[in-house]
Amino acid sequence: MSDARPPTARPSTARPPTRGARKRFDTGALATHAVLSLGALVMVFPFLWQLITALKTLAETSRVPPTFLPDHWNWSSFHEVFTALPFRAMLANSLLNTAGRTLGQLVFCSLAAYAFARMQFRGRNALFALFLSVLMVPSSLLVLPQYDIVQSLGLLNTAPALFLPGMFSAFGTFMLRQFFLTLPKELEEAARIDGAGPLRIFWSVLLPLMRPALAALAVITAMWSWNDLLWPLIVNTDPQKMPISAGLTSLEGQYETNYPVMMAGSLIASLPMLLVYVFLQRHFVQSVALSGSKG
């Protein structure tokens, strides 16, 4: 019989973790959160100051040095804005203007982008370069010819005058075209083998895959349309036909401005765009992520 004995296990030198051990703080993550919190505070502070100013009296807004919190919380400014302006009519005009421009760009820009990305025709690249050249032209240079067209059609001081010139954009066409190019051509070829035509392929195959890009274009167009000021001031001088962006400028007087009422109106006017972004935020972020990952 062998006298060999099984080797004995050596005692472990590792120390068991103590219950009272403190967790190490990740300095990098802590610094990142601090910077992000500071950035969030900087972004939110103008809205907070807007709300606080709306709750002040006119005398408190012109006090030197300025005070942060009001002495007495004054909620009457939110009521006065509806009496100082035809606020409901202006909100309706802004909603109609935003909806008309957004829907128009989603329809026309998506069709044009599909043609430039998928269809083969003579002069396609030259025509697309001509479209992109419009981006280099300042929008203020297009005001006079657009005004002449609207005036010749007899649409001054009407709701269509607000959104008709903005129902198409070269930026929207370029943005959707780049997203169309990322979609696999095999889907289109399979649909063509099944007998689908170009419009059928566009509507049933490719357009459902464009939801993130369409949502991003909808958010950008809606924000731009809601905040547009120059064009509504030119084509619609009737307060009943003005959007809220142009109507709020009438609260600024020559010698005195009622800042609490103006801030209350601006705060109410900014709420619809916040709701639009909240509902479309997931698609907007997804569009940015896909555009960054696919190149």
Protein backbone atom coordinates (compact mmCIF):
# COMPACT_ATOMS: atom_id res chain seq x y z
CA MET A 1 0.00 0.00 0.00
CA SER A 2 1.18 3.46 -0.75
CA ASP A 3 1.97 5.80 2.11
CA ALA A 4 1.15 8.88 0.00
CA ARG A 5 -1.20 11.19 1.79
CA PRO A 6 -3.59 13.55 0.03
CA PRO A 7 -2.24 17.06 -0.06
CA THR A 8 -3.70 19.27 2.55
CA ALA A 9 -5.43 22.43 1.40
CA ARG A 10 -3.57 25.57 2.20
CA PRO A 11 -5.45 28.11 4.24
CA SER A 12 -6.73 31.03 2.19
CA THR A 13 -4.98 34.30 2.81
CA ALA A 14 -7.87 36.39 1.43
CA ARG A 15 -9.63 38.42 4.08
CA PRO A 16 -13.41 38.14 4.18
CA PRO A 17 -15.19 41.39 3.38
CA THR A 18 -16.19 43.29 6.45
CA ARG A 19 -19.76 44.37 6.86
CA GLY A 20 -18.83 47.91 7.60
CA ALA A 21 -16.69 48.36 4.52
CA ARG A 22 -17.44 51.60 2.74
CA LYS A 23 -18.24 51.67 -0.92
CA ARG A 24 -15.82 53.54 -3.07
CA PHE A 25 -17.26 56.51 -4.91
CA ASP A 26 -16.60 56.70 -8.61
CA THR A 27 -15.19 60.19 -9.00
CA GLY A 28 -15.74 60.15 -12.75
CA ALA A 29 -19.44 59.32 -12.43
CA LEU A 30 -19.82 61.86 -9.64
CA ALA A 31 -18.25 64.58 -11.78
CA THR A 32 -20.44 63.62 -14.74
CA HIS A 33 -23.61 63.85 -12.67
CA ALA A 34 -22.52 67.18 -11.25
CA VAL A 35 -21.93 68.63 -14.71
CA LEU A 36 -25.23 67.25 -16.01
CA SER A 37 -27.11 68.61 -12.99
CA LEU A 38 -25.55 72.02 -13.53
CA GLY A 39 -26.50 71.92 -17.20
CA ALA A 40 -30.07 70.92 -16.33
CA LEU A 41 -30.29 73.80 -13.88
CA VAL A 42 -29.09 76.23 -16.52
CA MET A 43 -31.70 74.93 -18.97
CA VAL A 44 -34.57 75.00 -16.47
CA PHE A 45 -33.74 78.35 -14.86
CA PRO A 46 -35.23 80.54 -17.67
CA PHE A 47 -38.57 78.72 -17.36
CA LEU A 48 -38.44 79.07 -13.58
CA TRP A 49 -37.67 82.80 -13.86
CA GLN A 50 -40.50 83.14 -16.38
CA LEU A 51 -42.97 81.57 -13.95
CA ILE A 52 -41.75 83.67 -11.01
CA THR A 53 -41.97 86.88 -13.08
CA ALA A 54 -45.54 86.01 -14.10
CA LEU A 55 -46.43 85.74 -10.40
CA LYS A 56 -45.00 89.17 -9.55
CA THR A 57 -46.64 92.56 -9.80
CA LEU A 58 -45.53 95.11 -12.38
CA ALA A 59 -43.80 97.17 -9.68
CA GLU A 60 -41.81 94.16 -8.48
CA THR A 61 -40.54 93.36 -11.97
CA SER A 62 -39.00 96.84 -12.28
CA ARG A 63 -37.51 96.90 -8.79
CA VAL A 64 -33.76 97.58 -8.48
CA PRO A 65 -32.05 95.44 -7.33
CA PRO A 66 -34.34 92.67 -8.60
CA THR A 67 -35.87 90.18 -6.20
CA PHE A 68 -36.11 86.48 -6.89
CA LEU A 69 -39.35 85.60 -5.12
CA PRO A 70 -42.42 87.86 -5.19
CA ASP A 71 -43.68 89.48 -2.00
CA HIS A 72 -47.23 88.41 -2.82
CA TRP A 73 -48.08 85.58 -5.22
CA ASN A 74 -50.11 87.26 -7.95
CA TRP A 75 -52.05 84.83 -10.19
CA SER A 76 -54.09 87.49 -11.96
CA SER A 77 -51.62 87.76 -14.86
CA PHE A 78 -52.80 84.41 -16.22
CA HIS A 79 -56.33 85.84 -16.38
CA GLU A 80 -55.32 89.22 -17.78
CA VAL A 81 -53.55 87.69 -20.77
CA PHE A 82 -56.90 86.33 -22.01
CA THR A 83 -58.45 89.81 -21.77
CA ALA A 84 -55.50 91.78 -23.18
CA LEU A 85 -55.35 89.61 -26.31
CA PRO A 86 -57.70 87.35 -28.30
CA PHE A 87 -55.61 84.58 -26.78
CA ARG A 88 -57.85 81.66 -27.67
CA ALA A 89 -58.05 82.71 -31.33
CA MET A 90 -54.27 83.18 -31.44
CA LEU A 91 -53.69 79.75 -29.92
CA ALA A 92 -56.00 78.23 -32.52
CA ASN A 93 -54.11 80.03 -35.31
CA SER A 94 -50.80 78.74 -33.93
CA LEU A 95 -52.12 75.19 -33.77
CA LEU A 96 -53.45 75.42 -37.34
CA ASN A 97 -50.19 76.92 -38.60
CA THR A 98 -48.08 74.27 -36.85
CA ALA A 99 -50.29 71.39 -37.96
CA GLY A 100 -50.41 72.59 -41.58
CA ARG A 101 -46.66 73.03 -41.88
CA THR A 102 -45.82 69.81 -40.09
CA LEU A 103 -48.22 67.63 -42.05
CA GLY A 104 -47.21 69.28 -45.31
CA GLN A 105 -43.52 68.66 -44.71
CA LEU A 106 -44.10 65.07 -43.65
CA VAL A 107 -45.99 64.37 -46.88
CA PHE A 108 -44.05 66.36 -49.48
CA CYS A 109 -40.57 65.92 -48.00
CA SER A 110 -41.01 62.17 -47.61
CA LEU A 111 -42.17 61.81 -51.21
CA ALA A 112 -39.31 63.93 -52.54
CA ALA A 113 -36.78 62.11 -50.35
CA TYR A 114 -38.02 58.73 -51.60
CA ALA A 115 -37.63 59.88 -55.20
CA PHE A 116 -34.08 61.14 -54.65
CA ALA A 117 -33.02 58.06 -52.65
CA ARG A 118 -34.62 55.18 -54.57
CA MET A 119 -35.67 56.26 -58.05
CA GLN A 120 -33.28 56.49 -60.98
CA PHE A 121 -33.93 59.33 -63.42
CA ARG A 122 -31.84 61.66 -65.54
CA GLY A 123 -30.47 64.69 -63.71
CA ARG A 124 -31.25 63.34 -60.25
CA ASN A 125 -27.96 64.40 -58.67
CA ALA A 126 -28.04 67.84 -60.29
CA LEU A 127 -31.61 68.43 -59.14
CA PHE A 128 -30.75 67.30 -55.62
CA ALA A 129 -27.78 69.67 -55.55
CA LEU A 130 -30.16 72.45 -56.61
CA PHE A 131 -32.42 71.53 -53.70
CA LEU A 132 -29.51 71.70 -51.28
CA SER A 133 -28.49 75.12 -52.61
CA VAL A 134 -31.70 76.50 -51.12
CA LEU A 135 -30.21 75.87 -47.67
CA MET A 136 -27.53 78.49 -48.40
CA VAL A 137 -30.12 81.20 -49.12
CA PRO A 138 -31.20 83.22 -46.04
CA SER A 139 -34.88 82.79 -45.35
CA SER A 140 -35.36 86.57 -45.14
CA LEU A 141 -34.57 86.87 -48.86
CA LEU A 142 -37.59 84.69 -49.67
CA VAL A 143 -40.07 86.87 -47.79
CA LEU A 144 -40.78 89.34 -50.63
CA PRO A 145 -41.45 86.78 -53.39
CA GLN A 146 -43.54 84.68 -51.03
CA TYR A 147 -45.52 87.75 -50.00
CA ASP A 148 -46.18 88.63 -53.65
CA ILE A 149 -47.48 85.11 -54.29
CA VAL A 150 -49.74 85.14 -51.24
CA GLN A 151 -51.03 88.60 -52.12
CA SER A 152 -51.78 87.62 -55.71
CA LEU A 153 -53.78 84.65 -54.42
CA GLY A 154 -55.80 86.93 -52.14
CA LEU A 155 -54.78 85.07 -48.98
CA LEU A 156 -53.58 87.97 -46.81
CA ASN A 157 -55.03 87.91 -43.27
CA THR A 158 -56.11 84.30 -43.67
CA ALA A 159 -55.04 81.09 -41.96
CA PRO A 160 -53.61 79.43 -45.14
CA ALA A 161 -51.21 82.36 -45.56
CA LEU A 162 -49.43 81.23 -42.39
CA PHE A 163 -48.58 77.66 -43.38
CA LEU A 164 -48.66 77.41 -47.19
CA PRO A 165 -45.09 78.70 -47.82
CA GLY A 166 -43.70 76.41 -45.10
CA MET A 167 -45.22 73.10 -46.23
CA PHE A 168 -41.98 72.06 -47.93
CA SER A 169 -38.33 72.42 -46.99
CA ALA A 170 -35.02 71.38 -48.46
CA PHE A 171 -33.77 70.46 -45.00
CA GLY A 172 -36.60 67.98 -44.46
CA THR A 173 -35.98 66.42 -47.87
CA PHE A 174 -32.26 66.03 -47.18
CA MET A 175 -32.88 64.59 -43.71
CA LEU A 176 -35.37 61.96 -44.88
CA ARG A 177 -33.30 61.09 -47.94
CA GLN A 178 -30.33 60.24 -45.75
CA PHE A 179 -32.55 57.98 -43.64
CA PHE A 180 -33.99 56.29 -46.75
CA LEU A 181 -30.46 55.41 -47.84
CA THR A 182 -29.91 53.43 -44.63
CA LEU A 183 -32.83 51.08 -45.32
CA PRO A 184 -31.92 47.74 -46.96
CA LYS A 185 -32.77 47.47 -50.62
CA GLU A 186 -33.71 43.81 -50.22
CA LEU A 187 -37.07 44.83 -48.75
CA GLU A 188 -37.83 46.94 -51.78
CA GLU A 189 -36.72 44.22 -54.19
CA ALA A 190 -38.88 41.61 -52.44
CA ALA A 191 -41.91 43.89 -52.65
CA ARG A 192 -41.22 44.55 -56.34
CA ILE A 193 -41.08 40.80 -57.01
CA ASP A 194 -44.51 40.48 -55.39
CA GLY A 195 -45.83 43.01 -57.89
CA ALA A 196 -45.85 46.19 -55.78
CA GLY A 197 -45.38 49.52 -57.53
CA PRO A 198 -43.26 52.47 -56.36
CA LEU A 199 -46.06 54.14 -54.39
CA ARG A 200 -47.08 50.83 -52.83
CA ILE A 201 -43.48 50.15 -51.79
CA PHE A 202 -43.21 53.67 -50.38
CA TRP A 203 -46.45 53.51 -48.40
CA SER A 204 -46.50 49.90 -47.18
CA VAL A 205 -42.84 48.89 -46.93
CA LEU A 206 -40.52 51.85 -46.39
CA LEU A 207 -42.70 54.46 -44.73
CA PRO A 208 -43.44 52.35 -41.60
CA LEU A 209 -39.68 52.02 -41.09
CA MET A 210 -39.32 55.81 -41.26
CA ARG A 211 -41.22 56.55 -38.06
CA PRO A 212 -38.17 57.72 -36.04
CA ALA A 213 -37.06 60.09 -38.81
CA LEU A 214 -40.60 61.34 -39.38
CA ALA A 215 -41.01 61.99 -35.66
CA ALA A 216 -37.74 63.92 -35.55
CA LEU A 217 -38.78 66.03 -38.55
CA ALA A 218 -42.19 66.60 -36.96
CA VAL A 219 -40.62 67.89 -33.72
CA ILE A 220 -38.20 70.20 -35.54
CA THR A 221 -40.88 71.56 -37.89
CA ALA A 222 -43.42 72.03 -35.10
CA MET A 223 -40.99 73.99 -32.94
CA TRP A 224 -39.89 76.15 -35.86
CA SER A 225 -43.50 76.82 -36.93
CA TRP A 226 -44.72 77.57 -33.42
CA ASN A 227 -41.94 80.12 -32.82
CA ASP A 228 -42.02 81.74 -36.26
CA LEU A 229 -42.42 85.51 -35.92
CA LEU A 230 -41.36 87.38 -39.06
CA TRP A 231 -43.71 85.80 -41.59
CA PRO A 232 -46.90 86.00 -39.46
CA LEU A 233 -46.24 89.68 -38.72
CA ILE A 234 -46.04 90.41 -42.45
CA VAL A 235 -48.99 88.47 -43.88
CA ASN A 236 -51.52 88.74 -41.03
CA THR A 237 -52.06 92.13 -39.40
CA ASP A 238 -55.49 91.28 -37.99
CA PRO A 239 -55.14 90.21 -34.31
CA GLN A 240 -57.83 87.56 -34.83
CA LYS A 241 -55.67 85.94 -37.53
CA MET A 242 -52.31 86.21 -35.78
CA PRO A 243 -50.55 83.27 -34.12
CA ILE A 244 -49.55 83.55 -30.50
CA SER A 245 -45.90 84.29 -31.36
CA ALA A 246 -46.91 87.49 -33.17
CA GLY A 247 -49.68 88.37 -30.72
CA LEU A 248 -47.37 88.45 -27.70
CA THR A 249 -45.29 91.20 -29.33
CA SER A 250 -48.28 93.56 -29.08
CA LEU A 251 -47.95 93.45 -25.29
CA GLU A 252 -44.65 95.31 -25.54
CA GLY A 253 -45.50 99.00 -25.29
CA GLN A 254 -43.48 101.99 -26.38
CA TYR A 255 -42.99 103.37 -22.88
CA GLU A 256 -44.03 100.53 -20.59
CA THR A 257 -44.33 96.78 -20.90
CA ASN A 258 -46.50 94.61 -18.69
CA TYR A 259 -43.91 91.93 -18.06
CA PRO A 260 -46.02 89.71 -15.76
CA VAL A 261 -48.78 89.42 -18.37
CA MET A 262 -46.23 88.84 -21.16
CA MET A 263 -44.47 86.13 -19.17
CA ALA A 264 -47.78 84.46 -18.32
CA GLY A 265 -48.73 84.40 -22.00
CA SER A 266 -45.30 83.09 -23.01
CA LEU A 267 -45.50 80.35 -20.39
CA ILE A 268 -48.91 79.21 -21.61
CA ALA A 269 -47.73 79.37 -25.23
CA SER A 270 -44.72 77.14 -24.51
CA LEU A 271 -46.75 74.30 -22.98
CA PRO A 272 -47.99 72.76 -26.29
CA MET A 273 -44.45 72.36 -27.60
CA LEU A 274 -43.36 70.71 -24.37
CA LEU A 275 -46.21 68.23 -24.72
CA VAL A 276 -45.27 67.51 -28.35
CA TYR A 277 -41.69 66.75 -27.37
CA VAL A 278 -42.78 64.57 -24.43
CA PHE A 279 -44.97 62.41 -26.68
CA LEU A 280 -42.42 62.18 -29.51
CA GLN A 281 -39.27 62.05 -27.39
CA ARG A 282 -38.76 58.30 -27.77
CA HIS A 283 -38.94 58.44 -31.57
CA PHE A 284 -36.74 61.54 -31.67
CA VAL A 285 -33.98 59.91 -29.60
CA GLN A 286 -34.28 56.72 -31.65
CA SER A 287 -33.80 58.69 -34.85
CA VAL A 288 -30.63 60.32 -33.51
CA ALA A 289 -29.30 56.95 -32.35
CA LEU A 290 -29.94 55.27 -35.70
CA SER A 291 -28.42 58.11 -37.67
CA GLY A 292 -25.31 57.91 -35.53
CA SER A 293 -24.93 54.13 -35.66
CA LYS A 294 -25.53 53.59 -39.36
CA GLY A 295 -23.48 56.52 -40.60
